[in-house]
Amino acid sequence: MAAKPKQTARSRPWTVGEARAHLPELFKAAGHQPQQVFRRKQPAAVVVSPSEFEELAALRTESEEQTLADAFAVLRSLEVGLDVGLEVPQRRDRKNGFPQGGR
């Protein structure tokens, strides 16, 4: 199913041909809001301002540096400070729904 292009006040879907023909306009519009470029009604690219790209790159780097263990450590520290008393239920074995034995 093809993604439907979203259109806002300063954004409109661009085809690849329109983007090529009106590149300066595309860049100007990207300074205000990300611009989506479509090829055969499928998303092909998004043009963003340099500042927005830098923000996204910084977020990506930050998220890649943080491990799941780090995230749990932050949650544990929040829980201790708030004294919310999260209880971890005792683990129980469940019935295995897969047939036992060979193929």
Foldseek 3Di string as FASTA:
>chain_A
DFDADDDDPLEDEAEPVRCVVPVVSQQVSQAVPWYFYDYPRHTDDIDHDPVVVVVVVVVVVVVVVDDPVNVVVVVVVVCVVVVPPDDDDDDDDDDDPDDDDDD
